C-alpha atoms as a PDB file:
ATOM      1  CA  UNK A   1      44.353  13.462  -0.168  1.00  0.00           C
ATOM      2  CA  UNK A   2      44.319  11.629   3.150  1.00  0.00           C
ATOM      3  CA  UNK A   3      42.899   8.439   1.667  1.00  0.00           C
ATOM      4  CA  UNK A   4      45.384   8.544  -1.210  1.00  0.00           C
ATOM      5  CA  UNK A   5      48.340   8.911   1.192  1.00  0.00           C
ATOM      6  CA  UNK A   6      46.883   6.147   3.376  1.00  0.00           C
ATOM      7  CA  UNK A   7      46.612   3.867   0.344  1.00  0.00           C
ATOM      8  CA  UNK A   8      50.200   4.698  -0.628  1.00  0.00           C
ATOM      9  CA  UNK A   9      51.313   3.751   2.892  1.00  0.00           C
ATOM     10  CA  UNK A  10      49.420   0.454   2.691  1.00  0.00           C
ATOM     11  CA  UNK A  11      50.955  -0.377  -0.701  1.00  0.00           C
ATOM     12  CA  UNK A  12      54.455   0.479   0.544  1.00  0.00           C
ATOM     13  CA  UNK A  13      53.952  -1.708   3.616  1.00  0.00           C
ATOM     14  CA  UNK A  14      52.678  -4.606   1.488  1.00  0.00           C
ATOM     15  CA  UNK A  15      55.670  -4.329  -0.866  1.00  0.00           C
ATOM     16  CA  UNK A  16      58.068  -4.218   2.090  1.00  0.00           C
ATOM     17  CA  UNK A  17      56.450  -7.283   3.682  1.00  0.00           C
ATOM     18  CA  UNK A  18      56.509  -9.228   0.396  1.00  0.00           C
ATOM     19  CA  UNK A  19      60.164  -8.408  -0.303  1.00  0.00           C
ATOM     20  CA  UNK A  20      61.107  -9.227   3.301  1.00  0.00           C
ATOM     21  CA  UNK A  21      59.256 -12.551   3.123  1.00  0.00           C
ATOM     22  CA  UNK A  22      60.957 -13.337  -0.200  1.00  0.00           C
ATOM     23  CA  UNK A  23      64.351 -12.543   1.308  1.00  0.00           C
ATOM     24  CA  UNK A  24      63.549 -14.686   4.343  1.00  0.00           C
ATOM     25  CA  UNK A  25      62.428 -17.570   2.100  1.00  0.00           C
ATOM     26  CA  UNK A  26      65.631 -17.257   0.069  1.00  0.00           C
ATOM     27  CA  UNK A  27      67.725 -17.409   3.249  1.00  0.00           C
ATOM     28  CA  UNK A  28      65.742 -20.455   4.435  1.00  0.00           C
ATOM     29  CA  UNK A  29      66.391 -22.155   1.090  1.00  0.00           C
ATOM     30  CA  UNK A  30      70.119 -21.445   1.353  1.00  0.00           C
ATOM     31  CA  UNK A  31      70.245 -22.802   4.912  1.00  0.00           C
ATOM     32  CA  UNK A  32      68.328 -25.929   3.867  1.00  0.00           C
ATOM     33  CA  UNK A  33      70.665 -26.546   0.918  1.00  0.00           C
ATOM     34  CA  UNK A  34      73.729 -26.069   3.127  1.00  0.00           C
ATOM     35  CA  UNK A  35      72.265 -28.488   5.682  1.00  0.00           C
ATOM     36  CA  UNK A  36      71.728 -31.063   2.932  1.00  0.00           C
ATOM     37  CA  UNK A  37      75.297 -30.620   1.662  1.00  0.00           C
ATOM     38  CA  UNK A  38      76.730 -30.897   5.189  1.00  0.00           C
ATOM     39  CA  UNK A  39      74.674 -34.038   5.846  1.00  0.00           C
ATOM     40  CA  UNK A  40      75.825 -35.538   2.552  1.00  0.00           C
ATOM     41  CA  UNK A  41      79.479 -34.760   3.363  1.00  0.00           C
ATOM     42  CA  UNK A  42      79.172 -36.175   6.890  1.00  0.00           C
ATOM     43  CA  UNK A  43      77.732 -39.429   5.468  1.00  0.00           C
ATOM     44  CA  UNK A  44      80.683 -39.893   3.069  1.00  0.00           C
END
């Protein structure tokens, strides 16, 4: 029982970390795209 619960905790933590990293990467992509658009507008 203990090992099964411990494994469940590890899996939940891994899923949380992966989803958080994905969300962080998505935000970074949005910020990069906005920076590119702002730079393009400022050059016009």
